[in-house]
């Protein structure tokens, strides 16, 4: 009933930009924290950024100053604007959302691939 779906990934040259979107659909009570995580080949999934409904933001040090997370609570969408991309940013980017139904439910999207070429 509730679905989390990312979009916006693709191939980009180093120094370029991409904007990722993630939308939560379905009948829900509310959405608490939302965030972006990524997984590079051969590595564990890691935090990129999170944002609360009130706009409190947390970034991983590796993306500070380059990435911007934001959300539209009416559209139930979270965004990740990625600038000055590096080859190290390559990976599958996953959207995470803490959805409130009858109980808190942590949901993950299927991921969108970001490839940064030199």
N, C-alpha and C. Protein backbone atom coordinates (compact mmCIF):
# COMPACT_ATOMS: atom_id res chain seq x y z
N UNK A 1 0.82 -1.21 0.00
CA UNK A 1 0.00 0.00 0.00
C UNK A 1 0.86 1.26 0.00
N UNK A 2 1.94 1.23 0.73
CA UNK A 2 2.86 2.35 0.80
C UNK A 2 4.09 2.03 -0.03
N UNK A 3 4.48 2.97 -0.86
CA UNK A 3 5.59 2.76 -1.77
C UNK A 3 6.57 3.93 -1.70
N UNK A 4 7.85 3.61 -1.74
CA UNK A 4 8.92 4.59 -1.78
C UNK A 4 9.66 4.40 -3.09
N UNK A 5 9.77 5.46 -3.88
CA UNK A 5 10.38 5.34 -5.19
C UNK A 5 11.32 6.51 -5.47
N UNK A 6 12.55 6.19 -5.87
CA UNK A 6 13.54 7.19 -6.23
C UNK A 6 13.59 7.40 -7.74
N UNK A 7 14.09 8.56 -8.14
CA UNK A 7 14.31 8.85 -9.54
C UNK A 7 15.40 9.90 -9.65
N UNK A 8 15.98 10.03 -10.85
CA UNK A 8 16.95 11.08 -11.10
C UNK A 8 18.38 10.62 -11.27
N UNK A 9 18.65 9.35 -11.05
CA UNK A 9 20.00 8.86 -11.22
C UNK A 9 20.39 8.81 -12.69
N UNK A 10 21.68 8.64 -12.92
CA UNK A 10 22.17 8.58 -14.28
C UNK A 10 23.67 8.69 -14.33
N UNK A 11 24.17 8.92 -15.53
CA UNK A 11 25.60 9.06 -15.78
C UNK A 11 25.95 10.53 -15.92
N UNK A 12 26.96 10.96 -15.19
CA UNK A 12 27.38 12.35 -15.22
C UNK A 12 28.90 12.43 -15.10
N UNK A 13 29.48 13.45 -15.72
CA UNK A 13 30.92 13.65 -15.62
C UNK A 13 31.30 14.26 -14.28
N UNK A 14 32.52 14.02 -13.85
CA UNK A 14 33.01 14.63 -12.63
C UNK A 14 32.89 16.14 -12.71
N UNK A 15 32.42 16.72 -11.61
CA UNK A 15 32.18 18.16 -11.57
C UNK A 15 30.77 18.55 -11.93
N UNK A 16 30.02 17.61 -12.46
CA UNK A 16 28.65 17.88 -12.85
C UNK A 16 27.67 17.76 -11.71
N UNK A 17 26.38 17.83 -12.05
CA UNK A 17 25.33 17.82 -11.04
C UNK A 17 24.21 16.87 -11.41
N UNK A 18 23.53 16.39 -10.39
CA UNK A 18 22.33 15.59 -10.53
C UNK A 18 21.38 15.94 -9.40
N UNK A 19 20.10 15.78 -9.66
CA UNK A 19 19.10 15.97 -8.62
C UNK A 19 18.26 14.71 -8.49
N UNK A 20 18.25 14.14 -7.31
CA UNK A 20 17.48 12.95 -7.04
C UNK A 20 16.18 13.31 -6.33
N UNK A 21 15.13 12.56 -6.63
CA UNK A 21 13.84 12.75 -5.99
C UNK A 21 13.35 11.43 -5.43
N UNK A 22 12.62 11.50 -4.35
CA UNK A 22 12.03 10.32 -3.74
C UNK A 22 10.64 10.68 -3.25
N UNK A 23 9.66 9.92 -3.69
CA UNK A 23 8.28 10.18 -3.32
C UNK A 23 7.68 9.00 -2.58
N UNK A 24 6.99 9.30 -1.51
CA UNK A 24 6.27 8.29 -0.74
C UNK A 24 4.80 8.36 -1.14
N UNK A 25 4.25 7.26 -1.57
CA UNK A 25 2.86 7.22 -1.99
C UNK A 25 2.09 6.18 -1.18
N UNK A 26 0.78 6.37 -1.11
CA UNK A 26 -0.07 5.47 -0.36
C UNK A 26 -0.73 6.17 0.81
N UNK A 27 -1.59 5.43 1.47
CA UNK A 27 -2.31 5.98 2.62
C UNK A 27 -1.46 5.84 3.87
N UNK A 28 -1.06 6.98 4.41
CA UNK A 28 -0.21 7.00 5.59
C UNK A 28 -0.70 8.06 6.56
N UNK A 29 -0.28 7.94 7.80
CA UNK A 29 -0.60 8.94 8.80
C UNK A 29 0.29 10.16 8.63
N UNK A 30 1.58 9.92 8.57
CA UNK A 30 2.55 10.98 8.39
C UNK A 30 3.90 10.36 8.09
N UNK A 31 4.84 11.21 7.72
CA UNK A 31 6.20 10.78 7.47
C UNK A 31 7.12 11.53 8.41
N UNK A 32 7.94 10.80 9.11
CA UNK A 32 8.90 11.41 10.00
C UNK A 32 10.19 11.70 9.22
N UNK A 33 11.31 11.25 9.72
CA UNK A 33 12.58 11.55 9.06
C UNK A 33 12.68 10.85 7.71
N UNK A 34 13.29 11.52 6.75
CA UNK A 34 13.59 10.94 5.45
C UNK A 34 15.07 11.14 5.19
N UNK A 35 15.63 10.27 4.39
CA UNK A 35 17.06 10.39 4.15
C UNK A 35 17.52 9.69 2.89
N UNK A 36 18.78 9.94 2.58
CA UNK A 36 19.44 9.31 1.45
C UNK A 36 20.65 8.55 1.93
N UNK A 37 20.82 7.36 1.41
CA UNK A 37 21.96 6.51 1.68
C UNK A 37 22.50 6.03 0.34
N UNK A 38 23.75 5.61 0.34
CA UNK A 38 24.32 5.12 -0.90
C UNK A 38 25.20 3.91 -0.63
N UNK A 39 25.37 3.11 -1.65
CA UNK A 39 26.20 1.93 -1.56
C UNK A 39 27.06 1.84 -2.81
N UNK A 40 28.36 1.98 -2.61
CA UNK A 40 29.31 1.85 -3.70
C UNK A 40 29.67 0.38 -3.90
N UNK A 41 30.13 0.01 -5.08
CA UNK A 41 30.51 -1.38 -5.33
C UNK A 41 31.53 -1.88 -4.31
N UNK A 42 31.24 -3.01 -3.71
CA UNK A 42 32.15 -3.61 -2.75
C UNK A 42 32.16 -2.97 -1.38
N UNK A 43 31.28 -2.02 -1.13
CA UNK A 43 31.24 -1.34 0.15
C UNK A 43 29.86 -1.46 0.80
N UNK A 44 29.81 -1.15 2.08
CA UNK A 44 28.55 -1.17 2.81
C UNK A 44 27.75 0.09 2.55
N UNK A 45 26.46 -0.01 2.75
CA UNK A 45 25.60 1.16 2.61
C UNK A 45 25.95 2.20 3.66
N UNK A 46 26.00 3.46 3.26
CA UNK A 46 26.40 4.52 4.16
C UNK A 46 25.45 5.70 4.07
N UNK A 47 25.41 6.46 5.15
CA UNK A 47 24.58 7.65 5.22
C UNK A 47 25.08 8.73 4.28
N UNK A 48 24.16 9.39 3.61
CA UNK A 48 24.47 10.59 2.84
C UNK A 48 23.91 11.81 3.56
N UNK A 49 22.60 11.82 3.80
CA UNK A 49 21.96 12.94 4.48
C UNK A 49 20.59 12.53 4.97
N UNK A 50 20.14 13.16 6.04
CA UNK A 50 18.78 12.96 6.55
C UNK A 50 18.15 14.32 6.83
N UNK A 51 16.83 14.33 6.85
CA UNK A 51 16.10 15.57 7.11
C UNK A 51 14.80 15.24 7.84
N UNK A 52 14.50 16.01 8.88
CA UNK A 52 13.28 15.83 9.64
C UNK A 52 12.16 16.65 9.02
N UNK A 53 10.90 16.42 9.44
CA UNK A 53 9.79 17.22 8.92
C UNK A 53 9.98 18.72 9.17
N UNK A 54 10.64 19.08 10.24
CA UNK A 54 10.88 20.48 10.56
C UNK A 54 12.09 21.08 9.88
N UNK A 55 12.84 20.27 9.14
CA UNK A 55 13.97 20.79 8.39
C UNK A 55 15.33 20.61 9.03
N UNK A 56 15.41 19.86 10.11
CA UNK A 56 16.71 19.60 10.71
C UNK A 56 17.47 18.62 9.83
N UNK A 57 18.71 18.95 9.48
CA UNK A 57 19.47 18.22 8.49
C UNK A 57 20.78 17.69 9.06
N UNK A 58 21.14 16.51 8.63
CA UNK A 58 22.41 15.91 8.96
C UNK A 58 23.07 15.40 7.69
N UNK A 59 24.33 15.80 7.46
CA UNK A 59 25.09 15.36 6.29
C UNK A 59 26.30 14.54 6.71
N UNK A 60 26.64 13.60 5.87
CA UNK A 60 27.92 12.95 6.03
C UNK A 60 29.02 13.94 5.63
N UNK A 61 30.16 13.86 6.29
CA UNK A 61 31.24 14.80 6.02
C UNK A 61 31.68 14.79 4.55
N UNK A 62 31.57 13.66 3.90
CA UNK A 62 32.04 13.53 2.54
C UNK A 62 31.24 14.35 1.53
N UNK A 63 30.03 14.77 1.90
CA UNK A 63 29.17 15.49 0.97
C UNK A 63 28.87 16.91 1.42
N UNK A 64 29.32 17.31 2.58
CA UNK A 64 29.07 18.66 3.08
C UNK A 64 29.62 19.70 2.12
N UNK A 65 28.80 20.69 1.82
CA UNK A 65 29.21 21.74 0.91
C UNK A 65 28.97 21.43 -0.55
N UNK A 66 28.62 20.19 -0.86
CA UNK A 66 28.38 19.79 -2.24
C UNK A 66 26.94 19.33 -2.47
N UNK A 67 26.38 18.63 -1.50
CA UNK A 67 25.02 18.09 -1.62
C UNK A 67 24.06 18.89 -0.74
N UNK A 68 22.82 18.98 -1.19
CA UNK A 68 21.78 19.64 -0.42
C UNK A 68 20.54 18.76 -0.38
N UNK A 69 20.09 18.44 0.82
CA UNK A 69 18.86 17.67 0.97
C UNK A 69 17.73 18.63 1.32
N UNK A 70 16.55 18.36 0.78
CA UNK A 70 15.38 19.17 1.07
C UNK A 70 14.14 18.30 0.96
N UNK A 71 13.02 18.81 1.43
CA UNK A 71 11.79 18.03 1.33
C UNK A 71 10.58 18.93 1.18
N UNK A 72 9.56 18.39 0.55
CA UNK A 72 8.28 19.03 0.42
C UNK A 72 7.27 18.14 1.13
N UNK A 73 6.81 18.59 2.27
CA UNK A 73 5.94 17.76 3.10
C UNK A 73 4.55 17.57 2.49
N UNK A 74 4.11 18.51 1.68
CA UNK A 74 2.81 18.39 1.03
C UNK A 74 2.88 17.33 -0.07
N UNK A 75 3.94 17.38 -0.86
CA UNK A 75 4.12 16.42 -1.93
C UNK A 75 4.69 15.09 -1.44
N UNK A 76 5.08 15.05 -0.19
CA UNK A 76 5.66 13.86 0.41
C UNK A 76 6.87 13.39 -0.40
N UNK A 77 7.73 14.34 -0.68
CA UNK A 77 8.90 14.10 -1.52
C UNK A 77 10.15 14.67 -0.87
N UNK A 78 11.23 13.94 -0.98
CA UNK A 78 12.53 14.41 -0.52
C UNK A 78 13.47 14.48 -1.72
N UNK A 79 14.34 15.48 -1.72
CA UNK A 79 15.24 15.72 -2.83
C UNK A 79 16.69 15.69 -2.36
N UNK A 80 17.56 15.39 -3.29
CA UNK A 80 18.99 15.47 -3.03
C UNK A 80 19.65 16.13 -4.23
N UNK A 81 20.03 17.39 -4.07
CA UNK A 81 20.74 18.11 -5.11
C UNK A 81 22.23 17.84 -4.93
N UNK A 82 22.84 17.25 -5.94
CA UNK A 82 24.24 16.86 -5.87
C UNK A 82 25.05 17.69 -6.85
N UNK A 83 25.97 18.48 -6.34
CA UNK A 83 26.84 19.32 -7.15
C UNK A 83 28.29 18.89 -6.96
N UNK A 84 29.13 19.33 -7.89
CA UNK A 84 30.56 19.03 -7.83
C UNK A 84 30.81 17.54 -7.61
N UNK A 85 30.14 16.74 -8.38
CA UNK A 85 30.22 15.29 -8.20
C UNK A 85 31.62 14.76 -8.48
N UNK A 86 31.99 13.78 -7.69
CA UNK A 86 33.27 13.11 -7.80
C UNK A 86 33.06 11.65 -8.14
N UNK A 87 34.10 11.01 -8.64
CA UNK A 87 34.00 9.59 -8.95
C UNK A 87 33.67 8.78 -7.70
N UNK A 88 34.11 9.26 -6.54
CA UNK A 88 33.83 8.57 -5.28
C UNK A 88 32.35 8.58 -4.91
N UNK A 89 31.57 9.42 -5.57
CA UNK A 89 30.13 9.49 -5.31
C UNK A 89 29.35 8.41 -6.03
N UNK A 90 30.01 7.68 -6.89
CA UNK A 90 29.35 6.62 -7.66
C UNK A 90 28.76 5.56 -6.73
N UNK A 91 27.55 5.16 -7.03
CA UNK A 91 26.91 4.12 -6.25
C UNK A 91 25.41 4.12 -6.45
N UNK A 92 24.75 3.20 -5.80
CA UNK A 92 23.30 3.15 -5.81
C UNK A 92 22.80 3.98 -4.64
N UNK A 93 21.95 4.94 -4.93
CA UNK A 93 21.41 5.83 -3.91
C UNK A 93 20.02 5.37 -3.51
N UNK A 94 19.84 5.16 -2.21
CA UNK A 94 18.59 4.66 -1.67
C UNK A 94 17.89 5.72 -0.84
N UNK A 95 16.60 5.80 -1.00
CA UNK A 95 15.77 6.68 -0.19
C UNK A 95 15.23 5.91 1.00
N UNK A 96 15.28 6.53 2.15
CA UNK A 96 14.77 5.94 3.38
C UNK A 96 13.71 6.86 3.98
N UNK A 97 12.62 6.27 4.44
CA UNK A 97 11.56 7.07 5.05
C UNK A 97 10.98 6.35 6.24
N UNK A 98 10.84 7.06 7.34
CA UNK A 98 10.17 6.54 8.52
C UNK A 98 8.71 6.95 8.42
N UNK A 99 7.87 5.99 8.07
CA UNK A 99 6.45 6.22 7.84
C UNK A 99 5.64 5.81 9.06
N UNK A 100 4.68 6.65 9.41
CA UNK A 100 3.82 6.37 10.56
C UNK A 100 2.47 5.87 10.08
N UNK A 101 2.18 4.62 10.38
CA UNK A 101 0.87 4.03 10.12
C UNK A 101 0.23 3.78 11.48
N UNK A 102 -0.05 2.52 11.79
CA UNK A 102 -0.48 2.19 13.15
C UNK A 102 0.73 2.08 14.07
N UNK A 103 1.89 1.97 13.44
CA UNK A 103 3.16 1.95 14.13
C UNK A 103 4.23 2.50 13.20
N UNK A 104 5.36 2.92 13.72
CA UNK A 104 6.43 3.40 12.83
C UNK A 104 6.93 2.28 11.94
N UNK A 105 7.13 2.60 10.68
CA UNK A 105 7.59 1.62 9.71
C UNK A 105 8.68 2.25 8.86
N UNK A 106 9.85 1.66 8.90
CA UNK A 106 10.97 2.17 8.11
C UNK A 106 10.96 1.52 6.74
N UNK A 107 10.90 2.35 5.71
CA UNK A 107 10.81 1.86 4.34
C UNK A 107 12.00 2.31 3.51
N UNK A 108 12.37 1.48 2.55
CA UNK A 108 13.45 1.76 1.63
C UNK A 108 12.96 1.69 0.20
N UNK A 109 13.48 2.57 -0.63
CA UNK A 109 13.25 2.47 -2.05
C UNK A 109 14.17 1.43 -2.66
N UNK A 110 13.97 1.15 -3.93
CA UNK A 110 14.80 0.15 -4.60
C UNK A 110 16.15 0.70 -5.03
N UNK A 111 16.30 2.00 -5.01
CA UNK A 111 17.56 2.62 -5.34
C UNK A 111 17.61 3.15 -6.76
N UNK A 112 18.44 4.15 -6.97
CA UNK A 112 18.70 4.70 -8.29
C UNK A 112 20.20 4.83 -8.47
N UNK A 113 20.70 4.40 -9.60
CA UNK A 113 22.14 4.33 -9.84
C UNK A 113 22.69 5.67 -10.28
N UNK A 114 23.74 6.10 -9.60
CA UNK A 114 24.48 7.31 -9.96
C UNK A 114 25.89 6.89 -10.34
N UNK A 115 26.30 7.22 -11.55
CA UNK A 115 27.63 6.91 -12.03
C UNK A 115 28.34 8.20 -12.43
N UNK A 116 29.47 8.46 -11.81
CA UNK A 116 30.25 9.66 -12.08
C UNK A 116 31.52 9.24 -12.81
N UNK A 117 31.69 9.71 -14.02
CA UNK A 117 32.85 9.37 -14.82
C UNK A 117 33.90 10.46 -14.76
N UNK A 118 35.16 10.07 -14.96
CA UNK A 118 36.27 11.02 -14.93
C UNK A 118 36.41 11.74 -16.26
